[in-house]
Protein backbone atom coordinates (compact mmCIF):
# COMPACT_ATOMS: atom_id res chain seq x y z
CA MET A 1 -6.77 -32.21 -3.75
CA ALA A 2 -6.50 -32.33 -7.54
CA ASN A 3 -8.64 -35.48 -7.32
CA GLY A 4 -11.29 -33.69 -5.27
CA GLN A 5 -10.20 -35.23 -1.96
CA PRO A 6 -9.34 -32.99 0.99
CA LEU A 7 -5.91 -33.46 2.52
CA THR A 8 -5.67 -35.19 5.87
CA ASP A 9 -3.40 -34.30 8.79
CA ALA A 10 -1.13 -37.17 7.76
CA ASP A 11 -0.89 -35.72 4.23
CA ARG A 12 0.20 -32.35 5.60
CA TRP A 13 2.87 -33.20 8.23
CA ASP A 14 5.84 -33.91 5.99
CA TRP A 15 4.90 -31.02 3.72
CA LEU A 16 4.72 -28.55 6.63
CA ILE A 17 8.02 -29.79 8.04
CA LEU A 18 9.62 -29.44 4.60
CA LEU A 19 8.30 -25.87 4.29
CA ARG A 20 9.73 -25.00 7.71
CA GLU A 21 13.11 -26.59 7.02
CA GLN A 22 13.41 -24.98 3.58
CA ALA A 23 12.63 -21.58 5.09
CA LEU A 24 15.35 -22.08 7.71
CA LEU A 25 17.79 -23.25 5.04
CA THR A 26 17.03 -20.16 2.97
CA LEU A 27 17.83 -17.96 5.97
CA THR A 28 21.26 -19.54 6.38
CA THR A 29 22.31 -19.92 2.75
CA LYS A 30 24.05 -17.16 0.86
CA PRO A 31 22.22 -16.34 -2.35
CA THR A 32 23.71 -17.39 -5.65
CA THR A 33 23.73 -15.51 -8.88
CA LEU A 34 23.96 -16.81 -12.39
CA SER A 35 27.02 -15.74 -14.29
CA THR A 36 27.37 -16.09 -18.01
CA THR A 37 30.43 -17.80 -19.43
CA THR A 38 31.70 -17.33 -22.97
CA THR A 39 29.42 -20.16 -24.08
CA THR A 40 26.46 -18.27 -22.55
CA THR A 41 25.68 -21.25 -20.32
CA PRO A 42 24.41 -20.03 -16.96
CA THR A 43 26.47 -21.36 -14.05
CA PRO A 44 25.91 -20.71 -10.35
CA SER A 45 28.48 -18.56 -8.61
CA THR A 46 28.43 -17.70 -4.95
CA THR A 47 28.24 -14.05 -4.10
CA THR A 48 29.55 -12.31 -1.02
CA ALA A 49 26.01 -11.26 -0.14
CA THR A 50 24.54 -12.23 3.18
CA PRO A 51 21.61 -14.64 3.48
CA PRO A 52 18.17 -13.04 3.25
CA SER A 53 16.74 -11.57 6.44
CA GLY A 54 13.28 -13.02 5.90
CA VAL A 55 11.25 -15.67 4.15
CA ILE A 56 7.59 -15.70 3.17
CA ILE A 57 5.73 -19.01 2.99
CA THR A 58 2.24 -19.19 1.58
CA CYS A 59 0.11 -22.10 2.64
CA SER A 60 -3.21 -22.79 4.30
CA ALA A 61 -2.19 -23.48 7.89
CA LEU A 62 -5.83 -24.12 8.72
CA LYS A 63 -5.32 -25.68 12.15
CA ARG A 64 -3.40 -24.49 15.16
CA LYS A 65 -1.26 -27.63 15.12
CA TYR A 66 -0.21 -26.81 11.53
CA ARG A 67 0.79 -23.32 12.64
CA ASP A 68 2.65 -24.88 15.58
CA VAL A 69 4.72 -27.02 13.17
CA LEU A 70 5.87 -23.81 11.48
CA ARG A 71 6.38 -22.00 14.81
CA ILE A 72 8.96 -24.60 15.81
CA ALA A 73 11.41 -22.84 13.47
CA ALA A 74 11.82 -20.12 16.11
CA TYR A 75 12.59 -22.64 18.85
CA ARG A 76 16.05 -23.23 17.37
CA ARG A 77 16.50 -19.61 16.34
CA PRO A 78 15.53 -17.20 19.13
CA ASP A 79 16.30 -14.27 16.80
CA LEU A 80 13.69 -15.55 14.33
CA LYS A 81 10.17 -14.14 14.32
CA VAL A 82 7.35 -16.21 12.83
CA HIS A 83 4.11 -14.48 11.83
CA PHE A 84 0.97 -15.68 10.11
CA VAL A 85 -1.35 -13.56 8.01
CA PHE A 86 -4.89 -14.83 8.53
CA LEU A 87 -6.97 -13.86 5.52
CA GLN A 88 -10.46 -13.66 6.95
CA ALA A 89 -13.34 -14.02 4.50
CA SER A 90 -16.73 -15.71 4.53
CA GLU A 91 -17.29 -19.09 2.95
CA ALA A 92 -19.67 -17.48 0.44
CA VAL A 93 -17.04 -14.97 -0.71
CA LEU A 94 -14.44 -17.69 -1.16
CA MET A 95 -16.91 -19.96 -2.97
CA ASP A 96 -17.58 -17.16 -5.46
CA ARG A 97 -13.86 -16.61 -6.00
CA VAL A 98 -13.17 -20.28 -6.59
CA ARG A 99 -16.09 -20.53 -9.00
CA GLY A 100 -14.56 -17.67 -10.98
CA ARG A 101 -11.27 -19.51 -11.53
CA GLN A 102 -10.73 -21.26 -14.82
CA GLY A 103 -8.80 -24.53 -14.93
CA HIS A 104 -7.81 -24.50 -11.24
CA TYR A 105 -7.69 -27.73 -9.22
CA MET A 106 -9.56 -26.16 -6.29
CA LYS A 107 -13.29 -26.61 -6.78
CA ASP A 108 -16.07 -24.77 -4.97
CA TYR A 109 -17.18 -27.84 -3.00
CA MET A 110 -13.66 -28.10 -1.55
CA VAL A 111 -14.03 -24.67 0.07
CA HIS A 112 -16.61 -26.16 2.44
CA SER A 113 -14.17 -28.87 3.60
CA GLN A 114 -11.56 -26.17 4.19
CA PHE A 115 -14.00 -24.27 6.41
CA GLN A 116 -14.81 -27.48 8.28
CA SER A 117 -11.09 -27.97 9.00
CA LEU A 118 -10.40 -24.33 9.83
CA GLU A 119 -9.41 -23.55 13.40
CA ALA A 120 -9.54 -19.79 13.40
CA PRO A 121 -6.74 -18.22 15.45
CA GLN A 122 -7.64 -17.89 19.11
CA ARG A 123 -7.08 -14.86 21.31
CA ASP A 124 -3.60 -16.03 22.46
CA GLU A 125 -2.48 -16.33 18.83
CA LEU A 126 -3.84 -12.90 17.99
CA GLU A 127 -2.75 -11.04 21.11
CA GLY A 128 -1.45 -13.11 23.97
CA VAL A 129 1.21 -15.75 24.40
CA THR A 130 2.22 -16.13 20.78
CA GLY A 131 0.62 -12.99 19.34
CA ASP A 132 1.94 -13.97 15.93
CA VAL A 133 -1.25 -14.05 13.86
CA LEU A 134 -2.05 -10.91 11.90
CA SER A 135 -5.69 -10.82 10.84
CA VAL A 136 -6.69 -9.22 7.54
CA ASP A 137 -10.17 -8.70 6.14
CA ALA A 138 -10.00 -10.57 2.83
CA GLY A 139 -13.57 -9.84 1.77
CA GLY A 140 -12.63 -6.99 -0.54
CA GLU A 141 -11.06 -6.81 -3.97
CA SER A 142 -7.68 -8.47 -4.53
CA ARG A 143 -5.67 -5.23 -4.60
CA GLU A 144 -7.27 -4.03 -1.36
CA VAL A 145 -6.53 -7.35 0.37
CA GLN A 146 -2.90 -7.14 -0.82
CA ARG A 147 -2.64 -3.59 0.51
CA LEU A 148 -4.05 -4.60 3.90
CA ALA A 149 -1.79 -7.67 4.16
CA LEU A 150 1.30 -5.67 3.28
CA GLY A 151 0.30 -3.08 5.85
CA VAL A 152 0.10 -5.56 8.72
CA VAL A 153 3.33 -7.26 7.65
CA ARG A 154 5.18 -3.95 7.48
CA GLY A 155 3.79 -3.15 10.92
CA VAL A 156 5.71 -6.05 12.49
CA MET A 157 8.93 -5.70 10.52
């Protein structure tokens, strides 16, 4: 993408699998803390804390099959709940936002290719069989979008 080329499905598979596996690993690994020795060199030390109860992954799971790759995490962990926050905004709004970024790899013309690839969540993802997609109006200001996203996430926790 940094070279102006959209990613293909083949480019995304290993990355999505890695995201899923890292999230699962995070959920099963006790956190570490850094302790300071007399030489003030930080060294990892295991705590007695329990693994985190949740993980947040941010990525553009534009297609249903990408979301399905991440959903597989729950197949091995029936106690695990997977949710997606679908930030819904028009192409024009997102083009304006990208144009306002300075020094970012994502260019405005790439937004169009993202919209061409986008498979918006279907009714079964929003309500039915999976019901794991939480839709948020992302057309407003950044703080408002954050507030809305946090609200829907808190609603399922």
